[in-house]
Structure formats: structure tokens, C-alpha cells
Amino acid sequence: PTNPNPPPTIPARPTVLLDTKLNAKRKGTFKVRAFFGDAAPAGIARFTVIGRRSKRYAQATTPVRIGGNVTKTLRLTKKARKAIKPGKSKRVTLELRLPNGQKIKKTLRLARSRR
């Protein structure tokens, strides 16, 4: 006999970037958060913050935690610290590159605190 009520299939949770805006301290450090989905490949993932004209403003790597959250602290490059003065903000693209080459991108505002 076939089961009339099959157990509900839990949809696979996707990998997502959790931030809505980035707040850098005066020194240029800021945190980014990501959730790695159930189907995320194991290995090392890379966060990249891209500014205008595809300039790299920050970069860091982190191990993939399948089905888990990751918080990573990044530091603005010297070029980015010149571009985003304390007290100012710019639109940037946050990109998460998974070990299989897939990229998740999100455009958000990076603000730098005055002090």
C-alpha cells in the first residue's frame, strides 16, 4: 500500500548573504555574514567587496560551514580607505565565491563611521 500522506519534503535552504548594509569602523574593519545552504560545496569560500569600476575594496576567505552561519571580519584596502572617507558611504557589491566557482552577489551600502 502506498502512503497517502508522504512526509513533507523540506526544501533545500539556499546560500544567502545576510547583511543589508555594512558599517566599517574608522580603521576600516567591518563584518560580513553569510548562511551556507544545505547544498553548499565543502572547501574554502571567498568574500570580496567590489567598489566602482570593479575595484577590489576588501577580500577574505572562510571555510564553508554547510547549513551554518559564518561571520567574517574584513578590512578595507588602502585604496578603499581613501575612496570612503570616515563619515561617508558608498554603494558596493558584496560577492561570495563558493568553492565550485558559483558566485552570490548583493549590492549594498558600505558606511564608514566618523570615529
C-alpha atoms as a PDB file:
ATOM      1  CA  PRO A   1       0.000   0.000   0.000  1.00  0.00           C
ATOM      2  CA  THR A   2       1.255   3.470  -0.882  1.00  0.00           C
ATOM      3  CA  ASN A   3       1.429   6.053   1.831  1.00  0.00           C
ATOM      4  CA  PRO A   4      -1.440   8.553   1.252  1.00  0.00           C
ATOM      5  CA  ASN A   5       0.400  11.300   3.179  1.00  0.00           C
ATOM      6  CA  PRO A   6       4.090  11.277   2.216  1.00  0.00           C
ATOM      7  CA  PRO A   7       6.275  13.161   4.715  1.00  0.00           C
ATOM      8  CA  PRO A   8       6.691  16.796   3.668  1.00  0.00           C
ATOM      9  CA  THR A   9       9.962  17.325   1.840  1.00  0.00           C
ATOM     10  CA  ILE A  10      11.992  20.089   3.438  1.00  0.00           C
ATOM     11  CA  PRO A  11      13.167  22.432   0.677  1.00  0.00           C
ATOM     12  CA  ALA A  12      16.940  22.775   0.472  1.00  0.00           C
ATOM     13  CA  ARG A  13      17.956  26.081   2.029  1.00  0.00           C
ATOM     14  CA  PRO A  14      19.984  28.231  -0.372  1.00  0.00           C
ATOM     15  CA  THR A  15      23.236  30.044   0.377  1.00  0.00           C
ATOM     16  CA  VAL A  16      22.498  33.718   1.146  1.00  0.00           C
ATOM     17  CA  LEU A  17      24.332  36.876   2.183  1.00  0.00           C
ATOM     18  CA  LEU A  18      22.623  38.101   5.358  1.00  0.00           C
ATOM     19  CA  ASP A  19      23.705  41.759   5.510  1.00  0.00           C
ATOM     20  CA  THR A  20      21.559  44.682   4.371  1.00  0.00           C
ATOM     21  CA  LYS A  21      24.257  47.290   4.975  1.00  0.00           C
ATOM     22  CA  LEU A  22      27.895  47.262   6.007  1.00  0.00           C
ATOM     23  CA  ASN A  23      29.257  49.528   8.737  1.00  0.00           C
ATOM     24  CA  ALA A  24      33.021  49.945   8.759  1.00  0.00           C
ATOM     25  CA  LYS A  25      34.828  51.391  11.757  1.00  0.00           C
ATOM     26  CA  ARG A  26      37.165  54.322  11.295  1.00  0.00           C
ATOM     27  CA  LYS A  27      40.093  51.891  10.946  1.00  0.00           C
ATOM     28  CA  GLY A  28      38.253  50.246   8.040  1.00  0.00           C
ATOM     29  CA  THR A  29      37.197  46.939   9.603  1.00  0.00           C
ATOM     30  CA  PHE A  30      33.685  45.570   9.173  1.00  0.00           C
ATOM     31  CA  LYS A  31      31.855  42.267   9.493  1.00  0.00           C
ATOM     32  CA  VAL A  32      30.018  40.321   6.808  1.00  0.00           C
ATOM     33  CA  ARG A  33      27.610  37.459   7.492  1.00  0.00           C
ATOM     34  CA  ALA A  34      26.552  34.611   5.253  1.00  0.00           C
ATOM     35  CA  PHE A  35      24.463  31.480   5.557  1.00  0.00           C
ATOM     36  CA  PHE A  36      25.761  28.460   3.668  1.00  0.00           C
ATOM     37  CA  GLY A  37      22.932  26.337   2.293  1.00  0.00           C
ATOM     38  CA  ASP A  38      22.482  22.603   2.622  1.00  0.00           C
ATOM     39  CA  ALA A  39      23.847  22.040  -0.894  1.00  0.00           C
ATOM     40  CA  ALA A  40      26.927  24.271  -0.484  1.00  0.00           C
ATOM     41  CA  PRO A  41      30.143  22.546  -1.622  1.00  0.00           C
ATOM     42  CA  ALA A  42      32.786  21.919   1.036  1.00  0.00           C
ATOM     43  CA  GLY A  43      36.019  23.874   0.883  1.00  0.00           C
ATOM     44  CA  ILE A  44      37.097  27.492   1.155  1.00  0.00           C
ATOM     45  CA  ALA A  45      34.765  30.358   0.171  1.00  0.00           C
ATOM     46  CA  ARG A  46      35.882  33.906  -0.566  1.00  0.00           C
ATOM     47  CA  PHE A  47      34.210  37.203   0.326  1.00  0.00           C
ATOM     48  CA  THR A  48      35.048  40.122  -1.966  1.00  0.00           C
ATOM     49  CA  VAL A  49      33.816  43.700  -1.707  1.00  0.00           C
ATOM     50  CA  ILE A  50      33.867  45.408  -5.100  1.00  0.00           C
ATOM     51  CA  GLY A  51      33.643  49.177  -5.484  1.00  0.00           C
ATOM     52  CA  ARG A  52      33.210  51.391  -8.511  1.00  0.00           C
ATOM     53  CA  ARG A  53      34.784  50.290 -11.788  1.00  0.00           C
ATOM     54  CA  SER A  54      35.312  46.785 -10.349  1.00  0.00           C
ATOM     55  CA  LYS A  55      37.956  47.906  -7.853  1.00  0.00           C
ATOM     56  CA  ARG A  56      38.523  45.430  -5.045  1.00  0.00           C
ATOM     57  CA  TYR A  57      37.844  47.138  -1.696  1.00  0.00           C
ATOM     58  CA  ALA A  58      38.271  44.121   0.625  1.00  0.00           C
ATOM     59  CA  GLN A  59      38.748  40.362   0.474  1.00  0.00           C
ATOM     60  CA  ALA A  60      38.844  37.435   2.893  1.00  0.00           C
ATOM     61  CA  THR A  61      38.451  33.658   2.813  1.00  0.00           C
ATOM     62  CA  THR A  62      36.497  31.414   5.151  1.00  0.00           C
ATOM     63  CA  PRO A  63      35.791  27.686   5.385  1.00  0.00           C
ATOM     64  CA  VAL A  64      32.313  26.653   4.243  1.00  0.00           C
ATOM     65  CA  ARG A  65      30.050  25.540   7.096  1.00  0.00           C
ATOM     66  CA  ILE A  66      27.289  23.582   5.357  1.00  0.00           C
ATOM     67  CA  GLY A  67      23.915  24.561   6.801  1.00  0.00           C
ATOM     68  CA  GLY A  68      25.541  27.126   9.098  1.00  0.00           C
ATOM     69  CA  ASN A  69      26.193  30.838   9.508  1.00  0.00           C
ATOM     70  CA  VAL A  70      29.595  32.460   9.131  1.00  0.00           C
ATOM     71  CA  THR A  71      30.661  35.908  10.333  1.00  0.00           C
ATOM     72  CA  LYS A  72      33.911  37.223   8.913  1.00  0.00           C
ATOM     73  CA  THR A  73      35.765  40.466   9.668  1.00  0.00           C
ATOM     74  CA  LEU A  74      37.214  42.229   6.625  1.00  0.00           C
ATOM     75  CA  ARG A  75      39.452  45.267   6.353  1.00  0.00           C
ATOM     76  CA  LEU A  76      39.229  47.892   3.635  1.00  0.00           C
ATOM     77  CA  THR A  77      42.262  48.136   1.378  1.00  0.00           C
ATOM     78  CA  LYS A  78      44.314  51.321   1.367  1.00  0.00           C
ATOM     79  CA  LYS A  79      42.644  52.361  -1.894  1.00  0.00           C
ATOM     80  CA  ALA A  80      39.180  51.785  -0.394  1.00  0.00           C
ATOM     81  CA  ARG A  81      40.046  53.726   2.765  1.00  0.00           C
ATOM     82  CA  LYS A  82      40.944  56.651   0.505  1.00  0.00           C
ATOM     83  CA  ALA A  83      37.741  56.273  -1.517  1.00  0.00           C
ATOM     84  CA  ILE A  84      35.424  56.002   1.511  1.00  0.00           C
ATOM     85  CA  LYS A  85      36.450  58.706   3.958  1.00  0.00           C
ATOM     86  CA  PRO A  86      35.303  58.499   7.607  1.00  0.00           C
ATOM     87  CA  GLY A  87      31.697  59.654   7.858  1.00  0.00           C
ATOM     88  CA  LYS A  88      30.957  58.845   4.199  1.00  0.00           C
ATOM     89  CA  SER A  89      29.339  55.869   2.492  1.00  0.00           C
ATOM     90  CA  LYS A  90      29.392  54.235  -0.938  1.00  0.00           C
ATOM     91  CA  ARG A  91      27.431  51.576  -2.782  1.00  0.00           C
ATOM     92  CA  VAL A  92      29.459  48.389  -3.119  1.00  0.00           C
ATOM     93  CA  THR A  93      28.889  44.844  -4.331  1.00  0.00           C
ATOM     94  CA  LEU A  94      29.463  42.048  -1.834  1.00  0.00           C
ATOM     95  CA  GLU A  95      30.370  38.828  -3.603  1.00  0.00           C
ATOM     96  CA  LEU A  96      30.639  35.369  -2.079  1.00  0.00           C
ATOM     97  CA  ARG A  97      32.511  32.871  -4.239  1.00  0.00           C
ATOM     98  CA  LEU A  98      31.858  29.242  -3.381  1.00  0.00           C
ATOM     99  CA  PRO A  99      34.486  26.506  -3.888  1.00  0.00           C
ATOM    100  CA  ASN A 100      32.704  25.271  -7.044  1.00  0.00           C
ATOM    101  CA  GLY A 101      33.022  28.707  -8.658  1.00  0.00           C
ATOM    102  CA  GLN A 102      29.403  29.787  -8.119  1.00  0.00           C
ATOM    103  CA  LYS A 103      29.052  33.435  -7.056  1.00  0.00           C
ATOM    104  CA  ILE A 104      26.379  35.056  -4.911  1.00  0.00           C
ATOM    105  CA  LYS A 105      26.279  38.832  -5.287  1.00  0.00           C
ATOM    106  CA  LYS A 106      24.466  41.557  -3.382  1.00  0.00           C
ATOM    107  CA  THR A 107      24.652  45.333  -3.783  1.00  0.00           C
ATOM    108  CA  LEU A 108      24.605  47.264  -0.530  1.00  0.00           C
ATOM    109  CA  ARG A 109      25.845  50.434   1.133  1.00  0.00           C
ATOM    110  CA  LEU A 110      29.153  50.481   2.983  1.00  0.00           C
ATOM    111  CA  ALA A 111      29.306  53.316   5.519  1.00  0.00           C
ATOM    112  CA  ARG A 112      32.424  54.289   7.456  1.00  0.00           C
ATOM    113  CA  SER A 113      31.946  55.723  10.931  1.00  0.00           C
ATOM    114  CA  ARG A 114      33.427  59.088  11.804  1.00  0.00           C
ATOM    115  CA  ARG A 115      35.153  57.846  14.946  1.00  0.00           C
END
